[in-house]
Every structure is written in structure tokens, then in C-alpha cells.
Amino acid sequence: MSSVTKAAAAPGGGARPTRRAVALTTSLLVVFLLYSLAPTWFLLVASTKNQTDLYSTFGLWFSSNHLADNFQAVWSYHDGVFGRWIWNSVLYSTVGAAGSTLISLAAGYGLAKFAFRGRGALFAVIVGASLLPSTLLAFPLYLVFAKIGLTNTVWAVLIPYFINPFGVYLGKVYADSSVPNELMEAARIDGAGEARIFVSVALRLMSTGGITIFMLDFINIWNNFFLPLFMLNGERTFPVTLGLFSWVQQAQASRDMNTLVLSGSLLSIIPLAVFMFALQRYWRSGILMGSLK
């Protein structure tokens, strides 16, 4: 038996890992942490450099500090189009996540609390649909929206965001775990209709699950690239991900814009980081409730 699998008996009768096992686990976690933080560190370092230092100095450490100048150049380039992209990303992520959350909770509540023919098959289809990669659906969605004339509009990206099979699955999990059937029966006896029970009772009890679904949808929409790439062709409608990609294309075609792209990428993750930290408490409690279920 290797020393990694050996364990010393603890006073309470359990198993205590050996020092070698603890050291190995800690080392692996540190390596994983460094690997995860390396791109962000590179982005932060590169954003402080001007065009010359970006190519002539060590990539993972600072040289001269041009962070303020780079940020100013990003915000002022092309009549401040970067600010428009940030606003578009906020709009798409907020409205899309809110609509998806409401639909997911309503659908999940219906699957969890109402018995109807084909419910099991419908739920199986929803679970299967959640396994499909979003990139696989981008081109078929484009063909559908081109047929009805909605491409290059806000609705071309918002409507697909409203439909989230994985969110429906989570909505069902939270409805099963947080909405007692006895409470619903009591509300019916008091004369409440099904719509009122959902709005006044179920939504409040599922609020933690709703926040979790909203966070997942917000992050997914903010980082989404392929759907806007297919649906949008006007620069003023781009989210920040697609806008930065257009700068990369310009850099390949004409001038070197790597400094602007790197600084803009750093700016683009700041709203997402603030959003994550602001709702961290709800994230933890929501994930815990779902895992217990």
C-alpha cells in the first residue's frame, strides 16, 4: 500500500490523511490555481504596457505603467464605441437572464408540481436539450430568424437567450425542494388560483434558485460569442465580446491594435467580476440547496 493511501487513525475513529497526501493535494491545488489565474495575470500585465513594451519586455511582468493611457485610448477609440459595446452586453445579459430565469422557474414549477401525460418524456427531452452545445444551434437559429426578418436586431439575441433547457432543469429541482405541496393545497383552499399561487407563493420560496439561475444565465450571455456573431452585423449592436473580435480583425488587416484589445479585454471582465462578488452569498446558498436535492 502506498503512503498516499495510508491513513492514520484519528481519535474519533475516522481516517486522517498522511503528510505526503496533504502535500500532494495542496501542490495540485496550487498548480491548478496558478493555471487558472495565469490568463488574468497576463491580461493585467499586458494592459499596463505600451505597444513597444508589449513586444520587447517579459510577458508576465510589468515594465512601464501606461494603464491609464491605454484605458483612455480604449474609451475614446472610434467615437467611444467600446462604451456602446459594454452597454449592449449589460442590456443583453440583464434582460436575457431575467427573461430566462422567469421562464425557467415557471416551466420547472409546472414540471414539478403538475401531473400530466408525457411529463416524463418532456423532462427527458429538456435534459437532452441541455446537453447540446450552443455553438451547434447558432446557424439553425440564424436561418430561422433570417426567415422572419429579425436578424441584426436586439430580439435576434434576446429571444434565444430566453430559452434555457438547463435553467428549466434547475427550476424543477428548486421547485421540488422548496415549494411544499401542503402549502399549495392550503392556498387553493383559501381560494387562490394557480397563477396567484405561483407568483405570490412559489416565486418567493424559489427566490434563491432564481438568483442562481440568473447568475448562470448572466455569465453565459456576457461571454457568448457565436450567437451574436451569426445574428448581428452592425457595429453599434455588438456586445463587447464581438466588438473586441472586430478589433482583432482590424489588427490583422491594417494597424496593430493588440494594446487596445488587451486593455479592452481587461475592462470587459470588471463588470462581470463586480457582479459575481455582489451576488456571491446567493450563489453559495443556491448551489448548496441544489446539491442537497
Protein backbone atom coordinates (compact mmCIF):
# COMPACT_ATOMS: atom_id res chain seq x y z
CA MET A 1 0.00 0.00 0.00
CA SER A 2 1.45 3.38 -0.98
CA SER A 3 1.93 6.17 1.51
CA VAL A 4 -0.67 8.26 -0.34
CA THR A 5 -3.43 5.81 0.51
CA LYS A 6 -2.28 5.08 4.06
CA ALA A 7 -4.18 6.87 6.78
CA ALA A 8 -3.59 7.20 10.45
CA ALA A 9 -6.46 6.54 12.80
CA ALA A 10 -7.95 9.72 14.19
CA PRO A 11 -9.11 9.96 17.85
CA GLY A 12 -12.73 9.95 16.72
CA GLY A 13 -12.31 6.69 14.83
CA GLY A 14 -12.03 8.27 11.37
CA ALA A 15 -9.14 8.34 8.93
CA ARG A 16 -6.52 11.07 8.87
CA PRO A 17 -4.54 11.66 5.64
CA THR A 18 -0.79 11.36 5.73
CA ARG A 19 1.51 14.36 5.33
CA ARG A 20 2.53 13.21 1.87
CA ALA A 21 -1.11 13.04 0.76
CA VAL A 22 -1.80 16.51 2.15
CA ALA A 23 1.33 17.92 0.46
CA LEU A 24 0.45 16.30 -2.87
CA THR A 25 -3.14 17.56 -2.75
CA THR A 26 -2.04 21.06 -1.78
CA SER A 27 0.54 21.13 -4.59
CA LEU A 28 -2.03 20.08 -7.17
CA LEU A 29 -4.45 22.75 -5.95
CA VAL A 30 -1.73 25.43 -6.13
CA VAL A 31 -0.81 24.36 -9.67
CA PHE A 32 -4.47 24.46 -10.69
CA LEU A 33 -4.88 27.91 -9.10
CA LEU A 34 -1.83 29.29 -10.92
CA TYR A 35 -3.04 27.77 -14.19
CA SER A 36 -6.47 29.38 -13.72
CA LEU A 37 -5.10 32.81 -12.79
CA ALA A 38 -2.33 32.94 -15.42
CA PRO A 39 -4.50 34.37 -18.25
CA THR A 40 -5.90 37.08 -15.98
CA TRP A 41 -2.41 37.93 -14.72
CA PHE A 42 -1.10 38.18 -18.28
CA LEU A 43 -4.05 40.41 -19.20
CA LEU A 44 -3.38 42.71 -16.26
CA VAL A 45 0.35 42.94 -17.00
CA ALA A 46 -0.11 43.44 -20.74
CA SER A 47 -2.65 46.20 -20.19
CA THR A 48 -0.04 48.31 -18.42
CA LYS A 49 2.33 48.30 -21.40
CA ASN A 50 2.50 50.43 -24.48
CA GLN A 51 2.89 48.99 -27.96
CA THR A 52 6.69 48.84 -27.78
CA ASP A 53 6.93 47.27 -24.31
CA LEU A 54 4.32 44.69 -25.25
CA TYR A 55 6.77 43.04 -27.65
CA SER A 56 10.14 43.92 -26.10
CA THR A 57 9.65 43.02 -22.42
CA PHE A 58 8.89 39.85 -20.47
CA GLY A 59 5.22 38.97 -20.93
CA LEU A 60 4.42 38.02 -17.34
CA TRP A 61 5.89 41.01 -15.54
CA PHE A 62 5.47 44.77 -15.53
CA SER A 63 7.71 47.32 -17.20
CA SER A 64 6.43 50.90 -17.51
CA ASN A 65 2.91 51.79 -16.44
CA HIS A 66 0.65 53.00 -19.26
CA LEU A 67 -2.60 51.60 -17.86
CA ALA A 68 -4.41 54.95 -17.67
CA ASP A 69 -3.34 55.90 -21.20
CA ASN A 70 -4.45 52.53 -22.57
CA PHE A 71 -7.85 52.78 -20.87
CA GLN A 72 -8.34 56.29 -22.22
CA ALA A 73 -7.45 55.09 -25.72
CA VAL A 74 -9.96 52.24 -25.45
CA TRP A 75 -12.82 54.52 -24.36
CA SER A 76 -12.08 57.18 -26.97
CA TYR A 77 -11.35 54.98 -29.99
CA HIS A 78 -13.85 55.26 -32.85
CA ASP A 79 -16.06 57.80 -31.07
CA GLY A 80 -16.29 55.74 -27.88
CA VAL A 81 -17.79 52.62 -29.46
CA PHE A 82 -16.38 50.47 -26.64
CA GLY A 83 -18.78 52.10 -24.18
CA ARG A 84 -21.64 51.22 -26.51
CA TRP A 85 -20.46 47.58 -26.55
CA ILE A 86 -20.35 47.45 -22.76
CA TRP A 87 -23.88 48.85 -22.58
CA ASN A 88 -25.07 46.29 -25.14
CA SER A 89 -23.55 43.47 -23.10
CA VAL A 90 -25.24 44.76 -19.94
CA LEU A 91 -28.56 45.02 -21.79
CA TYR A 92 -28.37 41.57 -23.40
CA SER A 93 -27.16 39.89 -20.19
CA THR A 94 -29.63 41.56 -17.83
CA VAL A 95 -32.79 41.31 -19.96
CA GLY A 96 -31.88 37.90 -21.36
CA ALA A 97 -31.06 36.45 -17.94
CA ALA A 98 -34.19 37.93 -16.36
CA GLY A 99 -36.45 36.52 -19.08
CA SER A 100 -34.72 33.15 -19.00
CA THR A 101 -34.98 32.98 -15.21
CA LEU A 102 -38.71 33.70 -15.19
CA ILE A 103 -39.43 31.17 -17.95
CA SER A 104 -37.19 28.54 -16.35
CA LEU A 105 -38.84 28.90 -12.93
CA ALA A 106 -42.34 28.77 -14.42
CA ALA A 107 -41.56 25.74 -16.58
CA GLY A 108 -39.70 23.96 -13.79
CA TYR A 109 -42.54 24.66 -11.37
CA GLY A 110 -45.06 23.23 -13.83
CA LEU A 111 -43.00 20.07 -14.36
CA ALA A 112 -42.50 19.58 -10.64
CA LYS A 113 -45.99 20.29 -9.33
CA PHE A 114 -48.46 19.28 -12.04
CA ALA A 115 -49.08 15.73 -13.25
CA PHE A 116 -49.92 15.43 -16.95
CA ARG A 117 -49.48 12.88 -19.67
CA GLY A 118 -46.00 12.90 -21.19
CA ARG A 119 -44.37 14.78 -18.32
CA GLY A 120 -41.53 12.26 -18.03
CA ALA A 121 -40.85 12.30 -21.76
CA LEU A 122 -40.93 16.10 -21.84
CA PHE A 123 -38.48 16.32 -18.97
CA ALA A 124 -36.18 13.82 -20.73
CA VAL A 125 -36.24 16.00 -23.86
CA ILE A 126 -35.37 19.08 -21.78
CA VAL A 127 -32.45 17.29 -20.13
CA GLY A 128 -31.24 16.10 -23.52
CA ALA A 129 -31.53 19.60 -24.99
CA SER A 130 -29.41 21.00 -22.17
CA LEU A 131 -26.55 18.75 -23.33
CA LEU A 132 -26.45 20.28 -26.81
CA PRO A 133 -23.63 22.86 -27.26
CA SER A 134 -24.87 26.35 -28.02
CA THR A 135 -22.46 26.64 -30.98
CA LEU A 136 -24.31 23.77 -32.66
CA LEU A 137 -27.57 25.76 -32.61
CA ALA A 138 -26.21 29.13 -33.77
CA PHE A 139 -26.50 28.53 -37.53
CA PRO A 140 -30.00 26.92 -37.43
CA LEU A 141 -31.19 29.82 -35.29
CA TYR A 142 -29.77 32.27 -37.82
CA LEU A 143 -31.74 30.58 -40.63
CA VAL A 144 -34.95 30.81 -38.61
CA PHE A 145 -34.50 34.47 -37.67
CA ALA A 146 -33.42 35.39 -41.20
CA LYS A 147 -36.65 33.85 -42.48
CA ILE A 148 -38.77 36.05 -40.19
CA GLY A 149 -36.61 39.14 -40.71
CA LEU A 150 -35.25 39.62 -37.18
CA THR A 151 -31.51 39.33 -37.82
CA ASN A 152 -29.35 42.28 -36.77
CA THR A 153 -31.89 43.29 -34.11
CA VAL A 154 -31.90 43.09 -30.34
CA TRP A 155 -34.55 40.36 -30.49
CA ALA A 156 -32.27 38.14 -32.55
CA VAL A 157 -30.09 37.60 -29.49
CA LEU A 158 -32.61 38.09 -26.70
CA ILE A 159 -35.22 35.53 -27.80
CA PRO A 160 -32.76 32.60 -27.96
CA TYR A 161 -31.40 33.64 -24.55
CA PHE A 162 -34.89 33.37 -23.05
CA ILE A 163 -34.97 29.61 -23.73
CA ASN A 164 -32.58 27.72 -21.47
CA PRO A 165 -33.20 23.96 -21.00
CA PHE A 166 -30.64 23.71 -18.20
CA GLY A 167 -32.39 26.56 -16.41
CA VAL A 168 -35.68 24.65 -16.67
CA TYR A 169 -33.97 21.63 -15.13
CA LEU A 170 -32.69 23.74 -12.25
CA GLY A 171 -36.13 25.32 -11.86
CA LYS A 172 -37.67 21.88 -11.44
CA VAL A 173 -35.02 20.91 -8.87
CA TYR A 174 -35.66 24.04 -6.82
CA ALA A 175 -39.45 23.71 -7.11
CA ASP A 176 -39.28 20.13 -5.85
CA SER A 177 -37.13 21.08 -2.89
CA SER A 178 -38.56 24.44 -1.79
CA VAL A 179 -42.30 24.51 -2.57
CA PRO A 180 -44.28 22.14 -0.26
CA ASN A 181 -47.38 20.56 -1.75
CA GLU A 182 -49.20 21.15 1.55
CA LEU A 183 -48.69 24.90 1.23
CA MET A 184 -50.10 24.86 -2.31
CA GLU A 185 -53.16 22.93 -1.14
CA ALA A 186 -53.71 25.42 1.67
CA ALA A 187 -53.54 28.29 -0.81
CA ARG A 188 -56.09 26.56 -3.06
CA ILE A 189 -58.43 26.06 -0.10
CA ASP A 190 -58.16 29.80 0.60
CA GLY A 191 -59.35 30.45 -2.95
CA ALA A 192 -56.07 31.35 -4.65
CA GLY A 193 -55.76 30.48 -8.34
CA GLU A 194 -52.78 28.69 -9.83
CA ALA A 195 -51.27 31.88 -11.27
CA ARG A 196 -51.51 33.64 -7.92
CA ILE A 197 -50.01 30.66 -6.11
CA PHE A 198 -47.05 30.72 -8.48
CA VAL A 199 -46.49 34.48 -8.27
CA SER A 200 -47.22 35.03 -4.56
CA VAL A 201 -46.02 31.77 -3.04
CA ALA A 202 -43.80 29.70 -5.32
CA LEU A 203 -41.64 32.52 -6.68
CA ARG A 204 -40.83 33.76 -3.18
CA LEU A 205 -39.88 30.28 -1.99
CA MET A 206 -37.79 29.73 -5.13
CA SER A 207 -36.01 33.08 -4.91
CA THR A 208 -32.62 31.53 -4.08
CA GLY A 209 -32.92 29.21 -7.05
CA GLY A 210 -33.98 32.11 -9.24
CA ILE A 211 -30.90 34.10 -8.27
CA THR A 212 -28.69 31.11 -9.05
CA ILE A 213 -30.28 30.64 -12.48
CA PHE A 214 -30.00 34.38 -13.15
CA MET A 215 -26.29 34.36 -12.31
CA LEU A 216 -25.57 31.39 -14.54
CA ASP A 217 -27.51 32.92 -17.41
CA PHE A 218 -25.93 36.35 -16.95
CA ILE A 219 -22.40 34.93 -17.11
CA ASN A 220 -23.22 32.71 -20.07
CA ILE A 221 -24.79 35.56 -22.05
CA TRP A 222 -21.98 38.00 -21.23
CA ASN A 223 -19.38 35.55 -22.53
CA ASN A 224 -21.42 34.33 -25.50
CA PHE A 225 -19.71 34.91 -28.83
CA PHE A 226 -21.14 32.67 -31.55
CA LEU A 227 -24.79 33.72 -31.40
CA PRO A 228 -24.06 37.47 -31.78
CA LEU A 229 -21.50 36.60 -34.47
CA PHE A 230 -24.23 34.96 -36.56
CA MET A 231 -27.08 37.33 -35.75
CA LEU A 232 -25.52 40.82 -35.72
CA ASN A 233 -23.67 42.69 -38.44
CA GLY A 234 -23.89 46.29 -37.25
CA GLU A 235 -21.06 47.56 -35.07
CA ARG A 236 -23.39 49.56 -32.83
CA THR A 237 -25.31 46.40 -31.86
CA PHE A 238 -22.26 44.31 -30.94
CA PRO A 239 -21.72 43.03 -27.39
CA VAL A 240 -18.24 43.56 -26.00
CA THR A 241 -17.04 40.05 -26.93
CA LEU A 242 -17.89 40.52 -30.60
CA GLY A 243 -16.64 44.10 -30.57
CA LEU A 244 -13.20 43.08 -29.34
CA PHE A 245 -13.12 40.39 -32.01
CA SER A 246 -13.77 43.04 -34.65
CA TRP A 247 -10.74 44.93 -33.33
CA VAL A 248 -8.66 41.78 -33.67
CA GLN A 249 -9.75 41.54 -37.30
CA GLN A 250 -8.80 45.17 -37.85
CA ALA A 251 -5.39 44.49 -36.30
CA GLN A 252 -4.82 41.64 -38.73
CA ALA A 253 -5.92 43.74 -41.69
CA SER A 254 -4.27 47.09 -41.01
CA ARG A 255 -2.86 48.62 -37.82
CA ASP A 256 -1.60 46.84 -34.73
CA MET A 257 -4.37 47.10 -32.12
CA ASN A 258 -3.19 44.47 -29.66
CA THR A 259 -2.78 47.01 -26.87
CA LEU A 260 -6.37 48.21 -27.33
CA VAL A 261 -7.68 44.64 -27.48
CA LEU A 262 -5.85 43.58 -24.31
CA SER A 263 -6.86 46.69 -22.36
CA GLY A 264 -10.44 46.37 -23.57
CA SER A 265 -10.49 42.72 -22.53
CA LEU A 266 -9.39 43.69 -19.02
CA LEU A 267 -12.10 46.35 -18.84
CA SER A 268 -14.72 43.89 -20.08
CA ILE A 269 -14.23 41.49 -17.17
CA ILE A 270 -14.54 44.17 -14.47
CA PRO A 271 -18.38 44.41 -14.62
CA LEU A 272 -18.59 40.61 -14.55
CA ALA A 273 -16.27 40.40 -11.54
CA VAL A 274 -18.27 43.05 -9.66
CA PHE A 275 -21.48 41.19 -10.46
CA MET A 276 -20.05 37.88 -9.21
CA PHE A 277 -18.76 39.32 -5.94
CA ALA A 278 -22.00 41.21 -5.30
CA LEU A 279 -24.11 38.03 -5.53
CA GLN A 280 -21.57 35.60 -4.08
CA ARG A 281 -23.65 34.89 -0.97
CA TYR A 282 -26.70 33.95 -3.04
CA TRP A 283 -24.53 31.84 -5.33
CA ARG A 284 -23.24 29.72 -2.45
CA SER A 285 -26.63 29.16 -0.84
CA GLY A 286 -28.27 28.40 -4.17
CA ILE A 287 -25.71 25.84 -5.26
CA LEU A 288 -25.84 24.21 -1.80
CA MET A 289 -29.63 23.85 -1.98
CA GLY A 290 -29.43 22.31 -5.45
CA SER A 291 -26.71 19.87 -4.42
CA LEU A 292 -28.66 18.73 -1.36
CA LYS A 293 -31.61 17.97 -3.59
